[in-house]
């Protein structure tokens, strides 16, 4: 199940709003009473505050986006810093090797991006 913020981002994107500022546009609150977070304030211009049913309808897409973002973050970490990648590419060019290409392929193979 996707987080409330992810469902809101997906709902807004589906309604033509590309970016949601959770400090200005939407304020979430959790009263620690077991009910979980809820929308305290809704200031998204031109888009009505979603109902629970509307948020539940985008849960699957929002969950997929969360899982894809987790894999992307894992890949960024596994690729290493840009300087190391450039060094691999330099040595591949000089030495006629494929170290960088092999490294990228291994990272992608070990961390496939979910599609469903």
PDB file of N, CA and C in Angstrom:
ATOM      1  N   UNK A   1       0.843  -1.180   0.000  1.00  0.00           N
ATOM      2  CA  UNK A   1       0.000   0.000   0.000  1.00  0.00           C
ATOM      3  C   UNK A   1       0.886   1.239   0.000  1.00  0.00           C
ATOM      4  N   UNK A   2       0.561   2.154  -0.858  1.00  0.00           N
ATOM      5  CA  UNK A   2       1.346   3.378  -1.010  1.00  0.00           C
ATOM      6  C   UNK A   2       1.096   4.341   0.146  1.00  0.00           C
ATOM      7  N   UNK A   3       2.059   5.199   0.376  1.00  0.00           N
ATOM      8  CA  UNK A   3       1.894   6.227   1.396  1.00  0.00           C
ATOM      9  C   UNK A   3       0.881   7.268   0.924  1.00  0.00           C
ATOM     10  N   UNK A   4       0.314   7.988   1.863  1.00  0.00           N
ATOM     11  CA  UNK A   4      -0.666   9.017   1.525  1.00  0.00           C
ATOM     12  C   UNK A   4      -0.053  10.069   0.608  1.00  0.00           C
ATOM     13  N   UNK A   5       1.170  10.470   0.875  1.00  0.00           N
ATOM     14  CA  UNK A   5       1.800  11.499   0.035  1.00  0.00           C
ATOM     15  C   UNK A   5       1.985  11.003  -1.394  1.00  0.00           C
ATOM     16  N   UNK A   6       2.332   9.739  -1.573  1.00  0.00           N
ATOM     17  CA  UNK A   6       2.481   9.186  -2.926  1.00  0.00           C
ATOM     18  C   UNK A   6       1.145   9.141  -3.646  1.00  0.00           C
ATOM     19  N   UNK A   7       0.095   8.758  -2.926  1.00  0.00           N
ATOM     20  CA  UNK A   7      -1.228   8.727  -3.546  1.00  0.00           C
ATOM     21  C   UNK A   7      -1.667  10.136  -3.951  1.00  0.00           C
ATOM     22  N   UNK A   8      -1.354  11.117  -3.131  1.00  0.00           N
ATOM     23  CA  UNK A   8      -1.714  12.500  -3.456  1.00  0.00           C
ATOM     24  C   UNK A   8      -0.941  12.968  -4.691  1.00  0.00           C
ATOM     25  N   UNK A   9       0.352  12.665  -4.753  1.00  0.00           N
ATOM     26  CA  UNK A   9       1.144  13.040  -5.932  1.00  0.00           C
ATOM     27  C   UNK A   9       0.572  12.420  -7.201  1.00  0.00           C
ATOM     28  N   UNK A  10       0.200  11.155  -7.130  1.00  0.00           N
ATOM     29  CA  UNK A  10      -0.365  10.466  -8.287  1.00  0.00           C
ATOM     30  C   UNK A  10      -1.719  11.063  -8.666  1.00  0.00           C
ATOM     31  N   UNK A  11      -2.566  11.303  -7.679  1.00  0.00           N
ATOM     32  CA  UNK A  11      -3.876  11.907  -7.919  1.00  0.00           C
ATOM     33  C   UNK A  11      -3.715  13.275  -8.585  1.00  0.00           C
ATOM     34  N   UNK A  12      -2.804  14.082  -8.074  1.00  0.00           N
ATOM     35  CA  UNK A  12      -2.581  15.412  -8.651  1.00  0.00           C
ATOM     36  C   UNK A  12      -2.029  15.307 -10.074  1.00  0.00           C
ATOM     37  N   UNK A  13      -1.085  14.404 -10.298  1.00  0.00           N
ATOM     38  CA  UNK A  13      -0.524  14.224 -11.636  1.00  0.00           C
ATOM     39  C   UNK A  13      -1.615  13.816 -12.615  1.00  0.00           C
ATOM     40  N   UNK A  14      -2.508  12.943 -12.176  1.00  0.00           N
ATOM     41  CA  UNK A  14      -3.618  12.503 -13.023  1.00  0.00           C
ATOM     42  C   UNK A  14      -4.575  13.653 -13.340  1.00  0.00           C
ATOM     43  N   UNK A  15      -4.512  14.716 -12.518  1.00  0.00           N
ATOM     44  CA  UNK A  15      -5.386  15.867 -12.708  1.00  0.00           C
ATOM     45  C   UNK A  15      -4.625  17.098 -13.189  1.00  0.00           C
ATOM     46  N   UNK A  16      -3.454  16.880 -13.779  1.00  0.00           N
ATOM     47  CA  UNK A  16      -2.715  17.956 -14.432  1.00  0.00           C
ATOM     48  C   UNK A  16      -1.800  18.791 -13.559  1.00  0.00           C
ATOM     49  N   UNK A  17      -1.563  18.362 -12.325  1.00  0.00           N
ATOM     50  CA  UNK A  17      -0.658  19.092 -11.434  1.00  0.00           C
ATOM     51  C   UNK A  17       0.636  18.294 -11.305  1.00  0.00           C
ATOM     52  N   UNK A  18       1.725  18.857 -11.829  1.00  0.00           N
ATOM     53  CA  UNK A  18       2.987  18.121 -11.885  1.00  0.00           C
ATOM     54  C   UNK A  18       3.717  18.064 -10.548  1.00  0.00           C
ATOM     55  N   UNK A  19       3.652  19.132  -9.770  1.00  0.00           N
ATOM     56  CA  UNK A  19       4.398  19.188  -8.510  1.00  0.00           C
ATOM     57  C   UNK A  19       3.481  19.565  -7.356  1.00  0.00           C
ATOM     58  N   UNK A  20       3.657  18.884  -6.248  1.00  0.00           N
ATOM     59  CA  UNK A  20       2.899  19.174  -5.040  1.00  0.00           C
ATOM     60  C   UNK A  20       3.887  19.533  -3.939  1.00  0.00           C
ATOM     61  N   UNK A  21       3.725  20.698  -3.368  1.00  0.00           N
ATOM     62  CA  UNK A  21       4.576  21.142  -2.264  1.00  0.00           C
ATOM     63  C   UNK A  21       3.863  20.787  -0.959  1.00  0.00           C
ATOM     64  N   UNK A  22       4.430  19.856  -0.212  1.00  0.00           N
ATOM     65  CA  UNK A  22       3.797  19.403   1.026  1.00  0.00           C
ATOM     66  C   UNK A  22       4.057  20.338   2.205  1.00  0.00           C
ATOM     67  N   UNK A  23       4.614  21.498   1.924  1.00  0.00           N
ATOM     68  CA  UNK A  23       4.739  22.538   2.943  1.00  0.00           C
ATOM     69  C   UNK A  23       3.754  23.680   2.667  1.00  0.00           C
ATOM     70  N   UNK A  24       3.231  23.727   1.431  1.00  0.00           N
ATOM     71  CA  UNK A  24       2.347  24.826   1.034  1.00  0.00           C
ATOM     72  C   UNK A  24       1.015  24.297   0.487  1.00  0.00           C
ATOM     73  N   UNK A  25       1.088  23.434  -0.517  1.00  0.00           N
ATOM     74  CA  UNK A  25      -0.118  22.982  -1.220  1.00  0.00           C
ATOM     75  C   UNK A  25      -0.970  22.023  -0.384  1.00  0.00           C
ATOM     76  N   UNK A  26      -0.318  21.073   0.242  1.00  0.00           N
ATOM     77  CA  UNK A  26      -1.019  20.043   1.004  1.00  0.00           C
ATOM     78  C   UNK A  26      -0.283  19.830   2.321  1.00  0.00           C
ATOM     79  N   UNK A  27      -1.026  19.900   3.405  1.00  0.00           N
ATOM     80  CA  UNK A  27      -0.443  19.617   4.716  1.00  0.00           C
ATOM     81  C   UNK A  27      -1.067  18.333   5.244  1.00  0.00           C
ATOM     82  N   UNK A  28      -0.215  17.397   5.612  1.00  0.00           N
ATOM     83  CA  UNK A  28      -0.673  16.131   6.163  1.00  0.00           C
ATOM     84  C   UNK A  28      -0.478  16.141   7.665  1.00  0.00           C
ATOM     85  N   UNK A  29      -1.308  15.388   8.354  1.00  0.00           N
ATOM     86  CA  UNK A  29      -1.183  15.311   9.807  1.00  0.00           C
ATOM     87  C   UNK A  29      -1.498  13.896  10.254  1.00  0.00           C
ATOM     88  N   UNK A  30      -0.829  13.474  11.309  1.00  0.00           N
ATOM     89  CA  UNK A  30      -1.111  12.186  11.942  1.00  0.00           C
ATOM     90  C   UNK A  30      -1.255  12.463  13.430  1.00  0.00           C
ATOM     91  N   UNK A  31      -2.424  12.229  13.961  1.00  0.00           N
ATOM     92  CA  UNK A  31      -2.700  12.526  15.372  1.00  0.00           C
ATOM     93  C   UNK A  31      -2.252  11.417  16.314  1.00  0.00           C
ATOM     94  N   UNK A  32      -1.581  10.404  15.788  1.00  0.00           N
ATOM     95  CA  UNK A  32      -1.075   9.274  16.578  1.00  0.00           C
ATOM     96  C   UNK A  32      -2.189   8.585  17.366  1.00  0.00           C
ATOM     97  N   UNK A  33      -3.356   8.503  16.749  1.00  0.00           N
ATOM     98  CA  UNK A  33      -4.487   7.845  17.400  1.00  0.00           C
ATOM     99  C   UNK A  33      -4.827   6.520  16.741  1.00  0.00           C
ATOM    100  N   UNK A  34      -3.939   6.062  15.856  1.00  0.00           N
ATOM    101  CA  UNK A  34      -4.154   4.805  15.173  1.00  0.00           C
ATOM    102  C   UNK A  34      -4.886   4.934  13.848  1.00  0.00           C
ATOM    103  N   UNK A  35      -5.361   6.121  13.529  1.00  0.00           N
ATOM    104  CA  UNK A  35      -6.092   6.331  12.272  1.00  0.00           C
ATOM    105  C   UNK A  35      -5.167   6.609  11.102  1.00  0.00           C
ATOM    106  N   UNK A  36      -3.907   6.904  11.374  1.00  0.00           N
ATOM    107  CA  UNK A  36      -2.943   7.187  10.318  1.00  0.00           C
ATOM    108  C   UNK A  36      -3.012   8.624   9.843  1.00  0.00           C
ATOM    109  N   UNK A  37      -2.195   8.964   8.859  1.00  0.00           N
ATOM    110  CA  UNK A  37      -2.161  10.344   8.370  1.00  0.00           C
ATOM    111  C   UNK A  37      -3.413  10.695   7.570  1.00  0.00           C
ATOM    112  N   UNK A  38      -3.694  11.986   7.546  1.00  0.00           N
ATOM    113  CA  UNK A  38      -4.827  12.491   6.777  1.00  0.00           C
ATOM    114  C   UNK A  38      -4.477  13.867   6.230  1.00  0.00           C
ATOM    115  N   UNK A  39      -5.295  14.339   5.307  1.00  0.00           N
ATOM    116  CA  UNK A  39      -5.091  15.659   4.726  1.00  0.00           C
ATOM    117  C   UNK A  39      -5.675  16.687   5.679  1.00  0.00           C
ATOM    118  N   UNK A  40      -4.797  17.518   6.239  1.00  0.00           N
ATOM    119  CA  UNK A  40      -5.258  18.570   7.148  1.00  0.00           C
ATOM    120  C   UNK A  40      -5.644  19.811   6.349  1.00  0.00           C
ATOM    121  N   UNK A  41      -4.811  20.165   5.358  1.00  0.00           N
ATOM    122  CA  UNK A  41      -5.056  21.370   4.564  1.00  0.00           C
ATOM    123  C   UNK A  41      -4.826  21.041   3.093  1.00  0.00           C
ATOM    124  N   UNK A  42      -5.730  21.517   2.244  1.00  0.00           N
ATOM    125  CA  UNK A  42      -5.639  21.290   0.797  1.00  0.00           C
ATOM    126  C   UNK A  42      -5.674  22.639   0.099  1.00  0.00           C
ATOM    127  N   UNK A  43      -4.590  23.009  -0.572  1.00  0.00           N
ATOM    128  CA  UNK A  43      -4.493  24.281  -1.282  1.00  0.00           C
ATOM    129  C   UNK A  43      -4.036  24.100  -2.723  1.00  0.00           C
ATOM    130  N   UNK A  44      -4.401  23.004  -3.347  1.00  0.00           N
ATOM    131  CA  UNK A  44      -3.998  22.748  -4.728  1.00  0.00           C
ATOM    132  C   UNK A  44      -4.995  23.451  -5.644  1.00  0.00           C
ATOM    133  N   UNK A  45      -4.515  24.442  -6.331  1.00  0.00           N
ATOM    134  CA  UNK A  45      -5.372  25.253  -7.186  1.00  0.00           C
ATOM    135  C   UNK A  45      -5.935  24.447  -8.351  1.00  0.00           C
ATOM    136  N   UNK A  46      -7.236  24.519  -8.529  1.00  0.00           N
ATOM    137  CA  UNK A  46      -7.888  23.888  -9.668  1.00  0.00           C
ATOM    138  C   UNK A  46      -8.164  22.410  -9.517  1.00  0.00           C
ATOM    139  N   UNK A  47      -7.805  21.822  -8.376  1.00  0.00           N
ATOM    140  CA  UNK A  47      -8.038  20.392  -8.158  1.00  0.00           C
ATOM    141  C   UNK A  47      -8.728  20.222  -6.810  1.00  0.00           C
ATOM    142  N   UNK A  48      -9.878  19.552  -6.835  1.00  0.00           N
ATOM    143  CA  UNK A  48     -10.620  19.311  -5.601  1.00  0.00           C
ATOM    144  C   UNK A  48      -9.876  18.331  -4.707  1.00  0.00           C
ATOM    145  N   UNK A  49     -10.034  18.496  -3.407  1.00  0.00           N
ATOM    146  CA  UNK A  49      -9.419  17.556  -2.470  1.00  0.00           C
ATOM    147  C   UNK A  49      -9.979  16.161  -2.741  1.00  0.00           C
ATOM    148  N   UNK A  50      -9.100  15.169  -2.851  1.00  0.00           N
ATOM    149  CA  UNK A  50      -9.581  13.819  -3.174  1.00  0.00           C
ATOM    150  C   UNK A  50     -10.318  13.166  -2.015  1.00  0.00           C
ATOM    151  N   UNK A  51     -11.274  12.338  -2.376  1.00  0.00           N
ATOM    152  CA  UNK A  51     -11.952  11.515  -1.380  1.00  0.00           C
ATOM    153  C   UNK A  51     -11.088  10.291  -1.088  1.00  0.00           C
ATOM    154  N   UNK A  52     -11.423   9.564  -0.049  1.00  0.00           N
ATOM    155  CA  UNK A  52     -10.710   8.316   0.243  1.00  0.00           C
ATOM    156  C   UNK A  52     -10.837   7.346  -0.924  1.00  0.00           C
ATOM    157  N   UNK A  53     -11.997   7.325  -1.558  1.00  0.00           N
ATOM    158  CA  UNK A  53     -12.210   6.430  -2.696  1.00  0.00           C
ATOM    159  C   UNK A  53     -11.292   6.805  -3.859  1.00  0.00           C
ATOM    160  N   UNK A  54     -11.139   8.104  -4.114  1.00  0.00           N
ATOM    161  CA  UNK A  54     -10.256   8.546  -5.197  1.00  0.00           C
ATOM    162  C   UNK A  54      -8.805   8.208  -4.890  1.00  0.00           C
ATOM    163  N   UNK A  55      -8.410   8.360  -3.644  1.00  0.00           N
ATOM    164  CA  UNK A  55      -7.036   8.013  -3.267  1.00  0.00           C
ATOM    165  C   UNK A  55      -6.812   6.505  -3.349  1.00  0.00           C
ATOM    166  N   UNK A  56      -7.807   5.739  -2.944  1.00  0.00           N
ATOM    167  CA  UNK A  56      -7.681   4.279  -3.041  1.00  0.00           C
ATOM    168  C   UNK A  56      -7.590   3.830  -4.497  1.00  0.00           C
ATOM    169  N   UNK A  57      -8.231   4.574  -5.396  1.00  0.00           N
ATOM    170  CA  UNK A  57      -8.210   4.220  -6.814  1.00  0.00           C
ATOM    171  C   UNK A  57      -6.821   4.377  -7.426  1.00  0.00           C
ATOM    172  N   UNK A  58      -5.990   5.259  -6.868  1.00  0.00           N
ATOM    173  CA  UNK A  58      -4.637   5.470  -7.405  1.00  0.00           C
ATOM    174  C   UNK A  58      -3.572   4.741  -6.587  1.00  0.00           C
ATOM    175  N   UNK A  59      -3.998   3.953  -5.609  1.00  0.00           N
ATOM    176  CA  UNK A  59      -3.046   3.270  -4.723  1.00  0.00           C
ATOM    177  C   UNK A  59      -2.088   2.376  -5.492  1.00  0.00           C
ATOM    178  N   UNK A  60      -2.587   1.611  -6.427  1.00  0.00           N
ATOM    179  CA  UNK A  60      -1.740   0.680  -7.175  1.00  0.00           C
ATOM    180  C   UNK A  60      -0.661   1.417  -7.964  1.00  0.00           C
ATOM    181  N   UNK A  61      -1.050   2.486  -8.651  1.00  0.00           N
ATOM    182  CA  UNK A  61      -0.076   3.268  -9.430  1.00  0.00           C
ATOM    183  C   UNK A  61       0.926   3.961  -8.508  1.00  0.00           C
ATOM    184  N   UNK A  62       0.454   4.476  -7.386  1.00  0.00           N
ATOM    185  CA  UNK A  62       1.354   5.151  -6.440  1.00  0.00           C
ATOM    186  C   UNK A  62       2.320   4.157  -5.804  1.00  0.00           C
ATOM    187  N   UNK A  63       1.831   2.958  -5.494  1.00  0.00           N
ATOM    188  CA  UNK A  63       2.690   1.916  -4.926  1.00  0.00           C
ATOM    189  C   UNK A  63       3.774   1.523  -5.918  1.00  0.00           C
ATOM    190  N   UNK A  64       3.407   1.369  -7.188  1.00  0.00           N
ATOM    191  CA  UNK A  64       4.391   1.046  -8.222  1.00  0.00           C
ATOM    192  C   UNK A  64       5.453   2.141  -8.303  1.00  0.00           C
ATOM    193  N   UNK A  65       5.040   3.390  -8.289  1.00  0.00           N
ATOM    194  CA  UNK A  65       5.991   4.513  -8.347  1.00  0.00           C
ATOM    195  C   UNK A  65       6.942   4.481  -7.155  1.00  0.00           C
ATOM    196  N   UNK A  66       6.427   4.179  -5.967  1.00  0.00           N
ATOM    197  CA  UNK A  66       7.291   4.077  -4.778  1.00  0.00           C
ATOM    198  C   UNK A  66       8.321   2.968  -4.945  1.00  0.00           C
ATOM    199  N   UNK A  67       7.881   1.810  -5.424  1.00  0.00           N
ATOM    200  CA  UNK A  67       8.800   0.685  -5.613  1.00  0.00           C
ATOM    201  C   UNK A  67       9.842   1.002  -6.678  1.00  0.00           C
ATOM    202  N   UNK A  68       9.421   1.675  -7.749  1.00  0.00           N
ATOM    203  CA  UNK A  68      10.371   2.063  -8.796  1.00  0.00           C
ATOM    204  C   UNK A  68      11.390   3.065  -8.247  1.00  0.00           C
ATOM    205  N   UNK A  69      10.938   4.009  -7.443  1.00  0.00           N
ATOM    206  CA  UNK A  69      11.858   4.994  -6.869  1.00  0.00           C
ATOM    207  C   UNK A  69      12.857   4.349  -5.914  1.00  0.00           C
ATOM    208  N   UNK A  70      12.428   3.316  -5.197  1.00  0.00           N
ATOM    209  CA  UNK A  70      13.342   2.593  -4.306  1.00  0.00           C
ATOM    210  C   UNK A  70      14.447   1.922  -5.120  1.00  0.00           C
ATOM    211  N   UNK A  71      14.081   1.302  -6.234  1.00  0.00           N
ATOM    212  CA  UNK A  71      15.078   0.650  -7.093  1.00  0.00           C
ATOM    213  C   UNK A  71      16.005   1.700  -7.708  1.00  0.00           C
ATOM    214  N   UNK A  72      15.454   2.821  -8.132  1.00  0.00           N
ATOM    215  CA  UNK A  72      16.301   3.879  -8.705  1.00  0.00           C
ATOM    216  C   UNK A  72      17.322   4.377  -7.688  1.00  0.00           C
ATOM    217  N   UNK A  73      16.904   4.529  -6.436  1.00  0.00           N
ATOM    218  CA  UNK A  73      17.834   4.974  -5.388  1.00  0.00           C
ATOM    219  C   UNK A  73      18.912   3.918  -5.141  1.00  0.00           C
ATOM    220  N   UNK A  74      18.518   2.656  -5.156  1.00  0.00           N
ATOM    221  CA  UNK A  74      19.488   1.572  -4.985  1.00  0.00           C
ATOM    222  C   UNK A  74      20.493   1.577  -6.125  1.00  0.00           C
ATOM    223  N   UNK A  75      19.999   1.774  -7.343  1.00  0.00           N
ATOM    224  CA  UNK A  75      20.896   1.826  -8.502  1.00  0.00           C
ATOM    225  C   UNK A  75      21.868   2.999  -8.386  1.00  0.00           C
ATOM    226  N   UNK A  76      21.359   4.177  -8.013  1.00  0.00           N
ATOM    227  CA  UNK A  76      22.254   5.349  -7.892  1.00  0.00           C
ATOM    228  C   UNK A  76      23.395   5.057  -6.935  1.00  0.00           C
ATOM    229  N   UNK A  77      23.086   4.429  -5.829  1.00  0.00           N
ATOM    230  CA  UNK A  77      24.110   4.092  -4.850  1.00  0.00           C
ATOM    231  C   UNK A  77      25.084   3.052  -5.414  1.00  0.00           C
ATOM    232  N   UNK A  78      24.554   2.051  -6.090  1.00  0.00           N
ATOM    233  CA  UNK A  78      25.392   0.968  -6.613  1.00  0.00           C
ATOM    234  C   UNK A  78      26.284   1.422  -7.772  1.00  0.00           C
ATOM    235  N   UNK A  79      25.823   2.398  -8.548  1.00  0.00           N
ATOM    236  CA  UNK A  79      26.641   2.886  -9.658  1.00  0.00           C
ATOM    237  C   UNK A  79      27.929   3.526  -9.147  1.00  0.00           C
ATOM    238  N   UNK A  80      27.894   4.105  -7.981  1.00  0.00           N
ATOM    239  CA  UNK A  80      29.062   4.810  -7.456  1.00  0.00           C
ATOM    240  C   UNK A  80      29.056   6.264  -7.915  1.00  0.00           C
ATOM    241  N   UNK A  81      30.005   7.001  -7.430  1.00  0.00           N
ATOM    242  CA  UNK A  81      30.041   8.423  -7.755  1.00  0.00           C
ATOM    243  C   UNK A  81      30.442   8.648  -9.217  1.00  0.00           C
ATOM    244  N   UNK A  82      30.113   9.817  -9.710  1.00  0.00           N
ATOM    245  CA  UNK A  82      30.352  10.150 -11.117  1.00  0.00           C
ATOM    246  C   UNK A  82      31.841  10.097 -11.459  1.00  0.00           C
ATOM    247  N   UNK A  83      32.695  10.533 -10.541  1.00  0.00           N
ATOM    248  CA  UNK A  83      34.131  10.502 -10.798  1.00  0.00           C
ATOM    249  C   UNK A  83      34.642   9.087 -11.050  1.00  0.00           C
ATOM    250  N   UNK A  84      34.157   8.140 -10.259  1.00  0.00           N
ATOM    251  CA  UNK A  84      34.563   6.739 -10.454  1.00  0.00           C
ATOM    252  C   UNK A  84      34.068   6.200 -11.788  1.00  0.00           C
ATOM    253  N   UNK A  85      32.854   6.583 -12.162  1.00  0.00           N
ATOM    254  CA  UNK A  85      32.318   6.132 -13.446  1.00  0.00           C
ATOM    255  C   UNK A  85      33.115   6.717 -14.614  1.00  0.00           C
ATOM    256  N   UNK A  86      33.465   7.994 -14.505  1.00  0.00           N
ATOM    257  CA  UNK A  86      34.266   8.614 -15.559  1.00  0.00           C
ATOM    258  C   UNK A  86      35.648   7.966 -15.649  1.00  0.00           C
ATOM    259  N   UNK A  87      36.206   7.626 -14.497  1.00  0.00           N
ATOM    260  CA  UNK A  87      37.506   6.962 -14.481  1.00  0.00           C
ATOM    261  C   UNK A  87      37.415   5.586 -15.165  1.00  0.00           C
ATOM    262  N   UNK A  88      36.328   4.856 -14.879  1.00  0.00           N
ATOM    263  CA  UNK A  88      36.128   3.566 -15.544  1.00  0.00           C
ATOM    264  C   UNK A  88      36.037   3.757 -17.059  1.00  0.00           C
ATOM    265  N   UNK A  89      35.286   4.770 -17.480  1.00  0.00           N
ATOM    266  CA  UNK A  89      35.127   5.025 -18.911  1.00  0.00           C
ATOM    267  C   UNK A  89      36.462   5.412 -19.554  1.00  0.00           C
ATOM    268  N   UNK A  90      37.235   6.218 -18.855  1.00  0.00           N
ATOM    269  CA  UNK A  90      38.551   6.616 -19.374  1.00  0.00           C
ATOM    270  C   UNK A  90      39.426   5.379 -19.575  1.00  0.00           C
ATOM    271  N   UNK A  91      39.519   4.543 -18.539  1.00  0.00           N
ATOM    272  CA  UNK A  91      40.364   3.357 -18.638  1.00  0.00           C
ATOM    273  C   UNK A  91      39.826   2.360 -19.678  1.00  0.00           C
ATOM    274  N   UNK A  92      38.516   2.283 -19.809  1.00  0.00           N
ATOM    275  CA  UNK A  92      37.949   1.428 -20.857  1.00  0.00           C
ATOM    276  C   UNK A  92      38.396   1.921 -22.230  1.00  0.00           C
ATOM    277  N   UNK A  93      38.392   3.229 -22.413  1.00  0.00           N
ATOM    278  CA  UNK A  93      38.795   3.810 -23.699  1.00  0.00           C
ATOM    279  C   UNK A  93      40.281   3.577 -23.959  1.00  0.00           C
ATOM    280  N   UNK A  94      41.104   3.780 -22.956  1.00  0.00           N
ATOM    281  CA  UNK A  94      42.550   3.625 -23.098  1.00  0.00           C
ATOM    282  C   UNK A  94      42.947   2.151 -23.218  1.00  0.00           C
ATOM    283  N   UNK A  95      42.328   1.302 -22.389  1.00  0.00           N
ATOM    284  CA  UNK A  95      42.728  -0.103 -22.312  1.00  0.00           C
ATOM    285  C   UNK A  95      41.917  -1.033 -23.225  1.00  0.00           C
ATOM    286  N   UNK A  96      40.886  -0.497 -23.861  1.00  0.00           N
ATOM    287  CA  UNK A  96      40.054  -1.331 -24.718  1.00  0.00           C
ATOM    288  C   UNK A  96      39.203  -2.322 -23.936  1.00  0.00           C
ATOM    289  N   UNK A  97      38.819  -1.958 -22.721  1.00  0.00           N
ATOM    290  CA  UNK A  97      38.003  -2.843 -21.876  1.00  0.00           C
ATOM    291  C   UNK A  97      36.555  -2.335 -21.835  1.00  0.00           C
ATOM    292  N   UNK A  98      35.712  -3.082 -21.143  1.00  0.00           N
ATOM    293  CA  UNK A  98      34.291  -2.702 -21.003  1.00  0.00           C
ATOM    294  C   UNK A  98      33.867  -2.702 -19.537  1.00  0.00           C
ATOM    295  N   UNK A  99      34.778  -2.295 -18.670  1.00  0.00           N
ATOM    296  CA  UNK A  99      34.516  -2.325 -17.225  1.00  0.00           C
ATOM    297  C   UNK A  99      33.272  -1.525 -16.851  1.00  0.00           C
ATOM    298  N   UNK A 100      33.170  -0.294 -17.364  1.00  0.00           N
ATOM    299  CA  UNK A 100      32.035   0.555 -17.007  1.00  0.00           C
ATOM    300  C   UNK A 100      30.725  -0.039 -17.523  1.00  0.00           C
ATOM    301  N   UNK A 101      30.710  -0.442 -18.774  1.00  0.00           N
ATOM    302  CA  UNK A 101      29.506  -1.037 -19.367  1.00  0.00           C
ATOM    303  C   UNK A 101      29.106  -2.284 -18.579  1.00  0.00           C
ATOM    304  N   UNK A 102      30.064  -3.113 -18.224  1.00  0.00           N
ATOM    305  CA  UNK A 102      29.790  -4.335 -17.466  1.00  0.00           C
ATOM    306  C   UNK A 102      29.229  -3.999 -16.086  1.00  0.00           C
ATOM    307  N   UNK A 103      29.791  -2.960 -15.467  1.00  0.00           N
ATOM    308  CA  UNK A 103      29.333  -2.537 -14.142  1.00  0.00           C
ATOM    309  C   UNK A 103      27.880  -2.063 -14.198  1.00  0.00           C
ATOM    310  N   UNK A 104      27.574  -1.211 -15.176  1.00  0.00           N
ATOM    311  CA  UNK A 104      26.209  -0.695 -15.318  1.00  0.00           C
ATOM    312  C   UNK A 104      25.234  -1.835 -15.581  1.00  0.00           C
ATOM    313  N   UNK A 105      25.609  -2.739 -16.454  1.00  0.00           N
ATOM    314  CA  UNK A 105      24.750  -3.888 -16.762  1.00  0.00           C
ATOM    315  C   UNK A 105      24.501  -4.747 -15.523  1.00  0.00           C
ATOM    316  N   UNK A 106      25.544  -4.959 -14.719  1.00  0.00           N
ATOM    317  CA  UNK A 106      25.394  -5.766 -13.500  1.00  0.00           C
ATOM    318  C   UNK A 106      24.449  -5.087 -12.508  1.00  0.00           C
ATOM    319  N   UNK A 107      24.583  -3.769 -12.370  1.00  0.00           N
ATOM    320  CA  UNK A 107      23.703  -3.028 -11.454  1.00  0.00           C
ATOM    321  C   UNK A 107      22.259  -3.124 -11.933  1.00  0.00           C
ATOM    322  N   UNK A 108      22.033  -2.911 -13.221  1.00  0.00           N
ATOM    323  CA  UNK A 108      20.678  -2.974 -13.767  1.00  0.00           C
ATOM    324  C   UNK A 108      20.090  -4.381 -13.642  1.00  0.00           C
ATOM    325  N   UNK A 109      20.897  -5.390 -13.885  1.00  0.00           N
ATOM    326  CA  UNK A 109      20.421  -6.770 -13.792  1.00  0.00           C
ATOM    327  C   UNK A 109      20.073  -7.132 -12.350  1.00  0.00           C
ATOM    328  N   UNK A 110      20.886  -6.676 -11.410  1.00  0.00           N
ATOM    329  CA  UNK A 110      20.649  -6.980  -9.999  1.00  0.00           C
ATOM    330  C   UNK A 110      19.479  -6.193  -9.413  1.00  0.00           C
ATOM    331  N   UNK A 111      19.121  -5.082 -10.081  1.00  0.00           N
ATOM    332  CA  UNK A 111      18.084  -4.189  -9.562  1.00  0.00           C
ATOM    333  C   UNK A 111      17.095  -3.813 -10.660  1.00  0.00           C
ATOM    334  N   UNK A 112      16.295  -4.756 -11.117  1.00  0.00           N
ATOM    335  CA  UNK A 112      15.345  -4.438 -12.183  1.00  0.00           C
ATOM    336  C   UNK A 112      14.236  -3.502 -11.690  1.00  0.00           C
ATOM    337  N   UNK A 113      13.831  -2.598 -12.542  1.00  0.00           N
ATOM    338  CA  UNK A 113      12.747  -1.672 -12.180  1.00  0.00           C
ATOM    339  C   UNK A 113      11.424  -2.392 -12.396  1.00  0.00           C
ATOM    340  N   UNK A 114      10.597  -2.446 -11.348  1.00  0.00           N
ATOM    341  CA  UNK A 114       9.312  -3.137 -11.480  1.00  0.00           C
ATOM    342  C   UNK A 114       8.398  -2.427 -12.492  1.00  0.00           C
ATOM    343  N   UNK A 115       7.625  -3.211 -13.201  1.00  0.00           N
ATOM    344  CA  UNK A 115       6.700  -2.650 -14.184  1.00  0.00           C
ATOM    345  C   UNK A 115       5.247  -2.890 -13.794  1.00  0.00           C
ATOM    346  N   UNK A 116       5.036  -3.689 -12.770  1.00  0.00           N
ATOM    347  CA  UNK A 116       3.661  -3.909 -12.300  1.00  0.00           C
ATOM    348  C   UNK A 116       3.648  -4.155 -10.822  1.00  0.00           C
TER     349      UNK A 116
END
